[in-house]
Amino acid sequence: MFPPQTQHHTTSKLAISFVFSKKHKRSKIGILRHIAEETMEGEYKREESAALLVIVVLAALSLASLLIAFSYYCYISNKVSKHLKSLNGGKKEEDDEEKGMQKPKDALSVKEEPAVPVAMTEKGGLQLFTYKQLHGATGGFGKGNVVGHGSFGSVYRGVLSDGRKIAVKLMDRPGKQGEDEFKMEVELLKGLHSPYLLGLIGHCSEGGHRLLVYEFMANGGLQEHLYPSGGSCGGISKLDWDTRMQIALEAAKGLEYLHEHVSPPVIHRDFKSSNILLDKNFHAKVSDFGLAKLGSNRAGGHVSTRVLGTQGYVAPEYALTGHLTTKSDVYSYGVVLLELLTGRVPVDMKRPPGEGVLVTWALPMLTDREKVVQIMDSALEGQYSMKDAVQVAAIAAMCVQSEADYRPLMADVVQSLVPLVKNRPASKSAKAINDS
């Protein structure tokens, strides 16, 4: 037991301790309560901020949706407006026809406003035409405007609304094959750029219509001028020697470009005199790439394909095996060179026995100077250099060799022909033919 004083003292200490403890406890509770209140207030503020952020985001999304909807509405309205205009335009034309307002049929006098601007172009620089434009430009594809027949269709002359003269090839091969061939020719010509190749201006693929638009060549095909009456026995060619050599060189440069300056090389596969077109000054350009084929980049390589081409121009190894190389084109070029020398068509079974096939008849005489004179076109009337004629005959002989490996490259042919054309006076053929 504690003494009274001690007990009293101890009791006082306990009381003080208890009081202090209670006060301390109350202060801790107050602090905790204060912290809790601040925490709740912070959470409330954070929740309030989050709610505000959600509202802002939803408002932005709503505004964006409205803008997209408005843009789409404008787009549809514009399309509908254009469609209605086109319908009204068609109705106006029908009304005009009912009133007897017929359009002129002469293509060279037609200057119809195009449905779309003539200058509309696609990537690659080719112009996009509508069928309506080309139908109008060619006088409705009238028979009087036919200027030739290519591998896959007829070719018509025409005039655009800006006055440019054009040649329009109307592709007539139906179905998927025709569509594939059309796309192939467009894609191929889009990447070819040479002054010795006929330039593709543009094209049209609308519904079932597929058309290619080329620059117009005023003097047509070489074949027409070598055989004015359609055959080697009729008509007299007015092409003089200088013009023939100029044509031979420029056509050779066209093939050289295809073989040597494009990768992989392009094999024409239907090179012939009717596919060499002449402008108003008788400069030549290679045309009609409907049968063209991409060749092999490998030295001595070939591509195997079904045999296509024109009788009398097809290389023997290609005809027998279907193996196609750039040397197949060289053979065809040699046949054209023989046409320029002799004035004879490649195959003419009306001639005496042994003379029906041009290559078979001419080849034995091409390397004999005295016999070269015998095969020369009488229409030239001896107006040529005998030395040059012998050289051209030798080039032709190499080109039509039965073994492809013995044929020269087109680059070699060009180099051999350059001296025969270089620095020659202007040809008289253009003036003579245009005056006739």
Protein backbone atom coordinates (compact mmCIF):
# COMPACT_ATOMS: atom_id res chain seq x y z
CA MET A 1 0.00 0.00 0.00
CA PHE A 2 1.17 3.48 -0.74
CA PRO A 3 1.33 6.12 1.90
CA PRO A 4 -1.52 8.66 1.73
CA GLN A 5 0.65 11.37 0.21
CA THR A 6 2.25 9.05 -2.19
CA GLN A 7 -1.13 7.64 -3.09
CA HIS A 8 -2.47 11.11 -3.59
CA HIS A 9 0.50 12.03 -5.71
CA THR A 10 0.16 8.93 -7.80
CA THR A 11 -3.54 9.47 -8.22
CA SER A 12 -2.91 13.02 -9.35
CA LYS A 13 -0.38 11.83 -11.94
CA LEU A 14 -2.80 9.26 -13.24
CA ALA A 15 -5.51 11.88 -13.43
CA ILE A 16 -3.26 14.26 -15.29
CA SER A 17 -2.14 11.43 -17.55
CA PHE A 18 -5.72 10.45 -18.19
CA VAL A 19 -6.74 14.02 -18.90
CA PHE A 20 -3.75 14.50 -21.21
CA SER A 21 -4.50 11.20 -22.86
CA LYS A 22 -8.10 12.21 -23.46
CA LYS A 23 -7.06 15.58 -24.81
CA HIS A 24 -4.43 13.98 -27.02
CA LYS A 25 -6.92 11.46 -28.25
CA ARG A 26 -9.44 14.20 -28.98
CA SER A 27 -6.77 16.15 -30.90
CA LYS A 28 -5.84 13.05 -32.96
CA ILE A 29 -9.47 12.44 -33.72
CA GLY A 30 -9.81 16.06 -34.81
CA ILE A 31 -6.79 15.79 -37.07
CA LEU A 32 -8.06 12.56 -38.60
CA ARG A 33 -11.48 14.10 -39.08
CA HIS A 34 -9.86 17.11 -40.77
CA ILE A 35 -7.80 14.87 -43.05
CA ALA A 36 -10.87 12.83 -43.94
CA GLU A 37 -12.82 15.96 -44.76
CA GLU A 38 -9.99 17.25 -46.99
CA THR A 39 -9.71 13.86 -48.69
CA MET A 40 -13.42 13.75 -49.39
CA GLU A 41 -13.31 17.29 -50.69
CA GLY A 42 -10.37 16.39 -53.03
CA GLU A 43 -12.14 13.32 -54.30
CA TYR A 44 -15.24 15.36 -54.91
CA LYS A 45 -13.21 17.92 -56.88
CA ARG A 46 -11.50 15.18 -58.92
CA GLU A 47 -14.85 13.58 -59.72
CA GLU A 48 -16.15 16.99 -60.71
CA SER A 49 -13.11 17.53 -63.06
CA ALA A 50 -13.50 14.07 -64.61
CA ALA A 51 -17.17 14.71 -65.28
CA LEU A 52 -16.30 18.03 -66.90
CA LEU A 53 -13.67 16.34 -69.13
CA VAL A 54 -16.19 13.70 -70.27
CA ILE A 55 -18.67 16.44 -71.15
CA VAL A 56 -16.03 18.31 -73.22
CA VAL A 57 -14.98 15.14 -75.12
CA LEU A 58 -18.58 14.20 -75.89
CA ALA A 59 -19.26 17.71 -77.15
CA ALA A 60 -16.18 17.57 -79.44
CA LEU A 61 -17.20 14.18 -80.84
CA SER A 62 -20.72 15.44 -81.48
CA LEU A 63 -19.36 18.48 -83.32
CA ALA A 64 -17.04 16.28 -85.44
CA SER A 65 -19.95 13.98 -86.32
CA LEU A 66 -22.02 16.97 -87.41
CA LEU A 67 -19.17 18.23 -89.62
CA ILE A 68 -18.73 14.80 -91.25
CA ALA A 69 -22.48 14.51 -91.84
CA PHE A 70 -22.57 18.00 -93.36
CA SER A 71 -19.60 17.22 -95.67
CA TYR A 72 -21.22 13.98 -96.84
CA TYR A 73 -24.48 15.85 -97.48
CA CYS A 74 -22.62 18.40 -99.63
CA TYR A 75 -20.86 15.61 -101.56
CA ILE A 76 -24.11 13.76 -102.30
CA SER A 77 -25.86 16.99 -103.28
CA ASN A 78 -23.05 17.80 -105.71
CA LYS A 79 -23.18 14.32 -107.29
CA VAL A 80 -26.97 14.53 -107.68
CA SER A 81 -26.68 18.00 -109.18
CA LYS A 82 -24.12 16.83 -111.76
CA HIS A 83 -26.25 13.80 -112.62
CA LEU A 84 -29.32 15.97 -113.17
CA LYS A 85 -27.31 18.33 -115.38
CA SER A 86 -26.10 15.42 -117.51
CA LEU A 87 -29.65 14.14 -117.84
CA ASN A 88 -30.85 17.57 -118.89
CA GLY A 89 -27.99 17.78 -121.42
CA GLY A 90 -28.99 14.42 -122.92
CA LYS A 91 -32.60 15.52 -123.11
CA LYS A 92 -31.56 18.71 -124.92
CA GLU A 93 -29.65 16.66 -127.53
CA GLU A 94 -32.68 14.42 -128.07
CA ASP A 95 -34.88 17.49 -128.51
CA ASP A 96 -32.42 18.94 -131.03
CA GLU A 97 -32.45 15.72 -133.04
CA GLU A 98 -36.25 15.68 -133.04
CA LYS A 99 -36.18 19.20 -134.45
CA GLY A 100 -33.90 18.05 -137.28
CA MET A 101 -30.71 19.65 -135.92
CA GLN A 102 -28.32 16.93 -137.11
CA LYS A 103 -24.56 17.07 -136.55
CA PRO A 104 -22.12 17.11 -139.48
CA LYS A 105 -20.66 13.75 -140.46
CA ASP A 106 -17.34 14.97 -141.82
CA ALA A 107 -14.86 14.29 -138.98
CA LEU A 108 -12.47 16.99 -140.12
CA SER A 109 -15.18 19.63 -139.80
CA VAL A 110 -16.45 18.47 -136.42
CA LYS A 111 -15.51 20.71 -133.51
CA GLU A 112 -17.79 19.50 -130.76
CA GLU A 113 -17.45 20.72 -127.19
CA PRO A 114 -16.26 17.77 -125.10
CA ALA A 115 -18.27 16.42 -122.18
CA VAL A 116 -15.16 16.88 -120.05
CA PRO A 117 -12.22 19.22 -120.63
CA VAL A 118 -9.80 17.98 -123.29
CA ALA A 119 -6.95 18.76 -120.89
CA MET A 120 -8.17 16.32 -118.20
CA THR A 121 -5.25 14.00 -117.58
CA GLU A 122 -4.38 11.05 -115.41
CA LYS A 123 -1.12 10.20 -113.73
CA GLY A 124 1.44 9.61 -116.47
CA GLY A 125 0.22 12.45 -118.69
CA LEU A 126 -2.39 10.52 -120.71
CA GLN A 127 -5.67 12.31 -121.36
CA LEU A 128 -8.98 10.78 -120.36
CA PHE A 129 -11.71 11.02 -122.99
CA THR A 130 -15.39 10.21 -122.88
CA TYR A 131 -17.02 8.04 -125.51
CA LYS A 132 -19.23 11.00 -126.40
CA GLN A 133 -16.17 13.15 -127.19
CA LEU A 134 -14.58 10.56 -129.45
CA HIS A 135 -17.88 9.65 -131.11
CA GLY A 136 -18.32 13.30 -132.03
CA ALA A 137 -14.70 13.82 -133.04
CA THR A 138 -14.85 10.97 -135.56
CA GLY A 139 -18.24 11.82 -137.04
CA GLY A 140 -19.90 8.93 -135.27
CA PHE A 141 -17.14 6.52 -136.32
CA GLY A 142 -18.30 6.89 -139.89
CA LYS A 143 -16.95 4.59 -142.60
CA GLY A 144 -15.57 7.59 -144.46
CA ASN A 145 -13.22 8.27 -141.57
CA VAL A 146 -11.66 4.80 -141.40
CA VAL A 147 -7.92 5.11 -142.02
CA GLY A 148 -6.82 1.58 -141.23
CA HIS A 149 -7.26 -1.62 -139.30
CA GLY A 150 -4.93 -2.56 -136.45
CA SER A 151 -4.41 -5.82 -134.59
CA PHE A 152 -7.55 -5.44 -132.51
CA GLY A 153 -9.78 -2.93 -134.24
CA SER A 154 -10.40 -0.19 -136.77
CA VAL A 155 -8.66 3.19 -136.72
CA TYR A 156 -10.56 6.42 -137.41
CA ARG A 157 -9.38 9.94 -138.04
CA GLY A 158 -10.97 12.77 -136.11
CA VAL A 159 -10.64 16.30 -134.77
CA LEU A 160 -10.91 17.37 -131.13
CA SER A 161 -12.71 20.52 -130.03
CA ASP A 162 -9.36 22.32 -129.71
CA GLY A 163 -8.56 21.61 -133.38
CA ARG A 164 -6.07 18.80 -132.86
CA LYS A 165 -6.21 15.97 -135.39
CA ILE A 166 -6.22 12.52 -133.86
CA ALA A 167 -6.38 8.84 -134.79
CA VAL A 168 -8.78 6.76 -132.70
CA LYS A 169 -8.44 2.99 -132.47
CA LEU A 170 -11.75 1.37 -131.57
CA MET A 171 -10.89 -1.92 -129.86
CA ASP A 172 -13.36 -4.57 -131.00
CA ARG A 173 -12.17 -7.71 -129.20
CA PRO A 174 -14.91 -8.65 -126.69
CA GLY A 175 -14.77 -9.98 -123.13
CA LYS A 176 -12.00 -10.16 -120.57
CA GLN A 177 -9.32 -10.85 -123.17
CA GLY A 178 -10.13 -7.61 -124.94
CA GLU A 179 -10.07 -5.72 -121.65
CA ASP A 180 -6.70 -7.23 -120.70
CA GLU A 181 -5.21 -6.36 -124.09
CA PHE A 182 -6.49 -2.79 -123.81
CA LYS A 183 -4.96 -2.36 -120.34
CA MET A 184 -1.69 -3.92 -121.52
CA GLU A 185 -1.36 -1.50 -124.44
CA VAL A 186 -2.19 1.54 -122.28
CA GLU A 187 0.27 0.57 -119.54
CA LEU A 188 2.97 -0.28 -122.08
CA LEU A 189 2.67 2.90 -124.13
CA LYS A 190 2.45 5.05 -121.00
CA GLY A 191 6.09 4.23 -120.28
CA LEU A 192 7.44 4.53 -123.85
CA HIS A 193 8.81 7.89 -124.98
CA SER A 194 10.56 8.04 -128.34
CA PRO A 195 10.15 10.29 -131.40
CA TYR A 196 10.19 7.09 -133.47
CA LEU A 197 7.15 5.52 -131.80
CA LEU A 198 3.58 6.64 -132.42
CA GLY A 199 2.54 8.73 -129.42
CA LEU A 200 -0.47 7.74 -127.32
CA ILE A 201 -2.44 10.89 -126.41
CA GLY A 202 -5.08 9.27 -124.23
CA HIS A 203 -7.76 6.62 -123.94
CA CYS A 204 -11.36 5.90 -123.05
CA SER A 205 -12.84 2.95 -121.17
CA GLU A 206 -16.54 3.53 -120.72
CA GLY A 207 -19.11 0.79 -120.46
CA GLY A 208 -18.20 -1.75 -123.13
CA HIS A 209 -16.24 0.78 -125.19
CA ARG A 210 -12.43 0.73 -125.22
CA LEU A 211 -10.62 3.30 -127.35
CA LEU A 212 -7.04 4.48 -127.77
CA VAL A 213 -6.29 8.00 -129.01
CA TYR A 214 -3.07 8.59 -130.96
CA GLU A 215 -1.42 11.50 -132.71
CA PHE A 216 -2.56 11.71 -136.32
CA MET A 217 -0.11 10.76 -139.08
CA ALA A 218 -1.13 12.58 -142.25
CA ASN A 219 0.41 10.17 -144.79
CA GLY A 220 -0.86 6.94 -143.30
CA GLY A 221 1.02 3.66 -143.51
CA LEU A 222 4.14 2.88 -145.53
CA GLN A 223 2.31 0.01 -147.22
CA GLU A 224 -0.09 2.43 -148.92
CA HIS A 225 2.80 4.27 -150.58
CA LEU A 226 4.74 1.19 -151.63
CA TYR A 227 1.66 -0.40 -153.21
CA PRO A 228 -0.74 2.41 -154.21
CA SER A 229 -3.21 -0.02 -155.81
CA GLY A 230 -3.08 -2.55 -152.99
CA GLY A 231 -0.58 -4.98 -154.48
CA SER A 232 2.90 -5.31 -155.86
CA CYS A 233 1.62 -5.71 -159.43
CA GLY A 234 -0.46 -2.56 -159.57
CA GLY A 235 0.22 1.15 -159.10
CA ILE A 236 3.58 2.87 -159.07
CA SER A 237 5.14 4.04 -155.83
CA LYS A 238 6.22 7.67 -155.70
CA LEU A 239 8.61 7.13 -152.81
CA ASP A 240 12.10 8.10 -153.92
CA TRP A 241 15.28 6.45 -152.66
CA ASP A 242 16.16 9.11 -150.09
CA THR A 243 12.71 8.93 -148.53
CA ARG A 244 12.87 5.14 -148.38
CA MET A 245 16.21 5.29 -146.58
CA GLN A 246 14.93 7.89 -144.15
CA ILE A 247 11.94 5.67 -143.37
CA ALA A 248 14.19 2.61 -142.98
CA LEU A 249 16.43 4.43 -140.50
CA GLU A 250 13.64 5.92 -138.41
CA ALA A 251 11.76 2.62 -138.21
CA ALA A 252 15.02 0.93 -137.16
CA LYS A 253 15.46 3.54 -134.42
CA GLY A 254 11.96 2.77 -133.19
CA LEU A 255 12.77 -0.93 -132.79
CA GLU A 256 16.18 -0.12 -131.32
CA TYR A 257 14.46 1.92 -128.60
CA LEU A 258 12.12 -0.96 -127.76
CA HIS A 259 14.94 -3.50 -127.64
CA GLU A 260 17.81 -1.53 -126.12
CA HIS A 261 16.34 1.32 -124.07
CA VAL A 262 13.50 -0.40 -122.22
CA SER A 263 13.89 -2.98 -119.47
CA PRO A 264 12.71 -5.64 -119.91
CA PRO A 265 12.88 -5.19 -123.69
CA VAL A 266 9.65 -4.85 -125.63
CA ILE A 267 9.12 -7.18 -128.60
CA HIS A 268 6.71 -5.66 -131.12
CA ARG A 269 5.68 -9.04 -132.55
CA ASP A 270 3.78 -7.55 -135.49
CA PHE A 271 6.30 -5.26 -137.19
CA LYS A 272 5.31 -4.72 -140.84
CA SER A 273 5.05 -1.97 -143.45
CA SER A 274 1.44 -1.10 -142.55
CA ASN A 275 2.54 -0.49 -138.95
CA ILE A 276 5.08 2.14 -140.00
CA LEU A 277 3.15 5.41 -140.12
CA LEU A 278 4.27 8.56 -141.93
CA ASP A 279 3.66 12.18 -140.99
CA LYS A 280 3.17 15.04 -143.46
CA ASN A 281 6.95 15.17 -144.08
CA PHE A 282 7.26 11.38 -144.40
CA HIS A 283 9.02 10.91 -141.09
CA ALA A 284 8.30 7.41 -139.80
CA LYS A 285 6.96 6.13 -136.50
CA VAL A 286 6.38 2.55 -135.40
CA SER A 287 2.77 1.90 -134.39
CA ASP A 288 0.28 -0.73 -133.21
CA PHE A 289 1.51 -2.39 -130.04
CA GLY A 290 -1.54 -4.60 -129.61
CA LEU A 291 0.57 -7.77 -129.89
CA ALA A 292 3.65 -6.42 -128.08
CA LYS A 293 5.26 -8.67 -125.51
CA LEU A 294 7.78 -8.05 -122.76
CA GLY A 295 10.94 -10.00 -123.53
CA SER A 296 13.64 -11.59 -121.39
CA ASN A 297 16.44 -9.61 -119.75
CA ARG A 298 18.67 -12.68 -119.85
CA ALA A 299 21.24 -12.77 -122.65
CA GLY A 300 20.01 -15.22 -125.28
CA GLY A 301 16.76 -15.65 -123.36
CA HIS A 302 13.32 -15.95 -124.87
CA VAL A 303 9.68 -15.94 -123.88
CA SER A 304 7.37 -18.73 -124.96
CA THR A 305 4.03 -17.62 -126.33
CA ARG A 306 1.45 -18.56 -128.91
CA VAL A 307 2.39 -17.59 -132.43
CA LEU A 308 0.85 -14.30 -133.55
CA GLY A 309 1.77 -11.90 -136.30
CA THR A 310 1.31 -11.45 -140.03
CA GLN A 311 2.12 -14.00 -142.72
CA GLY A 312 5.39 -13.27 -144.46
CA TYR A 313 6.83 -11.27 -141.54
CA VAL A 314 6.98 -13.96 -138.83
CA ALA A 315 10.46 -15.30 -138.01
CA PRO A 316 10.82 -19.04 -138.76
CA GLU A 317 12.00 -20.08 -135.27
CA TYR A 318 9.06 -18.25 -133.67
CA ALA A 319 6.61 -19.85 -136.11
CA LEU A 320 8.00 -23.33 -135.35
CA THR A 321 8.61 -23.19 -131.58
CA GLY A 322 6.75 -20.18 -130.18
CA HIS A 323 10.06 -18.90 -128.78
CA LEU A 324 9.99 -15.13 -129.07
CA THR A 325 13.05 -12.86 -128.85
CA THR A 326 14.07 -9.41 -130.03
CA LYS A 327 15.66 -11.19 -133.01
CA SER A 328 12.12 -12.09 -134.11
CA ASP A 329 11.53 -8.37 -134.68
CA VAL A 330 14.86 -8.11 -136.52
CA TYR A 331 13.63 -10.70 -139.02
CA SER A 332 10.41 -8.74 -139.57
CA TYR A 333 12.44 -5.57 -140.07
CA GLY A 334 14.52 -7.35 -142.73
CA VAL A 335 11.33 -8.18 -144.62
CA VAL A 336 10.30 -4.49 -144.57
CA LEU A 337 13.75 -3.54 -145.85
CA LEU A 338 13.24 -5.95 -148.75
CA GLU A 339 9.90 -4.28 -149.48
CA LEU A 340 11.64 -0.90 -149.66
CA LEU A 341 14.25 -2.33 -152.04
CA THR A 342 12.01 -4.38 -154.31
CA GLY A 343 8.54 -2.86 -154.11
CA ARG A 344 7.11 -6.37 -153.61
CA VAL A 345 4.73 -7.63 -150.93
CA PRO A 346 6.04 -10.37 -148.57
CA VAL A 347 3.70 -13.04 -149.94
CA ASP A 348 2.15 -12.96 -153.41
CA MET A 349 1.20 -16.39 -154.72
CA LYS A 350 0.09 -14.87 -158.04
CA ARG A 351 3.73 -14.53 -159.02
CA PRO A 352 5.64 -17.23 -160.96
CA PRO A 353 6.78 -20.34 -159.06
CA GLY A 354 9.67 -19.58 -156.71
CA GLU A 355 8.80 -15.88 -156.48
CA GLY A 356 5.71 -16.04 -154.26
CA VAL A 357 7.57 -15.60 -150.96
CA LEU A 358 9.74 -12.47 -150.96
CA VAL A 359 12.48 -13.72 -148.61
CA THR A 360 12.90 -17.04 -150.41
CA TRP A 361 13.10 -15.32 -153.79
CA ALA A 362 15.37 -12.40 -152.85
CA LEU A 363 17.82 -13.92 -150.34
CA PRO A 364 20.09 -15.71 -152.87
CA MET A 365 20.57 -12.45 -154.80
CA LEU A 366 21.16 -10.03 -151.91
CA THR A 367 24.90 -10.61 -151.65
CA ASP A 368 25.61 -10.52 -155.38
CA ARG A 369 26.19 -6.98 -156.66
CA GLU A 370 25.09 -7.79 -160.21
CA LYS A 371 21.92 -9.54 -159.05
CA VAL A 372 20.95 -6.77 -156.61
CA VAL A 373 20.15 -4.62 -159.63
CA GLN A 374 17.64 -7.25 -160.78
CA ILE A 375 15.58 -7.08 -157.59
CA MET A 376 15.41 -3.28 -157.26
CA ASP A 377 11.98 -1.62 -157.51
CA SER A 378 11.42 -0.41 -161.07
CA ALA A 379 9.47 2.57 -159.67
CA LEU A 380 12.82 4.02 -158.53
CA GLU A 381 13.82 4.31 -162.20
CA GLY A 382 17.48 3.81 -161.31
CA GLN A 383 17.59 6.99 -159.21
CA TYR A 384 19.74 5.65 -156.36
CA SER A 385 23.34 4.99 -155.46
CA MET A 386 24.29 1.44 -156.44
CA LYS A 387 26.81 1.36 -153.61
CA ASP A 388 24.09 2.26 -151.10
CA ALA A 389 21.68 -0.26 -152.60
CA VAL A 390 24.24 -3.07 -152.24
CA GLN A 391 24.85 -2.08 -148.62
CA VAL A 392 21.13 -2.05 -147.81
CA ALA A 393 20.74 -5.44 -149.52
CA ALA A 394 23.53 -6.84 -147.34
CA ILE A 395 21.83 -5.52 -144.18
CA ALA A 396 18.53 -7.09 -145.27
CA ALA A 397 20.28 -10.40 -145.93
CA MET A 398 21.65 -10.48 -142.38
CA CYS A 399 18.28 -9.59 -140.86
CA VAL A 400 16.38 -12.43 -142.57
CA GLN A 401 18.83 -15.21 -141.72
CA SER A 402 17.00 -18.39 -140.72
CA GLU A 403 19.20 -18.72 -137.61
CA ALA A 404 18.29 -16.03 -135.09
CA ASP A 405 21.84 -15.87 -133.67
CA TYR A 406 23.18 -14.76 -137.06
CA ARG A 407 20.92 -11.72 -137.18
CA PRO A 408 22.32 -8.35 -136.06
CA LEU A 409 21.07 -6.21 -133.20
CA MET A 410 18.87 -3.29 -134.19
CA ALA A 411 21.55 -0.97 -132.80
CA ASP A 412 23.96 -2.38 -135.42
CA VAL A 413 21.37 -1.89 -138.15
CA VAL A 414 20.93 1.75 -137.14
CA GLN A 415 24.68 2.37 -137.24
CA SER A 416 24.89 0.82 -140.71
CA LEU A 417 22.06 2.96 -142.09
CA VAL A 418 23.08 6.33 -140.61
CA PRO A 419 25.73 7.07 -143.29
CA LEU A 420 23.17 6.43 -146.03
CA VAL A 421 20.80 9.12 -144.75
CA LYS A 422 23.10 11.63 -143.08
CA ASN A 423 23.43 15.06 -144.75
CA ARG A 424 21.16 14.11 -147.63
CA PRO A 425 19.09 16.85 -149.30
CA ALA A 426 15.42 17.15 -148.39
CA SER A 427 13.31 14.45 -149.98
CA LYS A 428 11.20 15.24 -153.03
CA SER A 429 8.69 12.49 -152.19
CA ALA A 430 6.57 14.54 -149.81
CA LYS A 431 6.11 17.35 -152.32
CA ALA A 432 5.50 14.96 -155.22
CA ILE A 433 2.89 12.94 -153.36
CA ASN A 434 1.16 15.90 -151.74
CA ASP A 435 0.93 17.67 -155.11
CA SER A 436 -0.58 14.64 -156.83
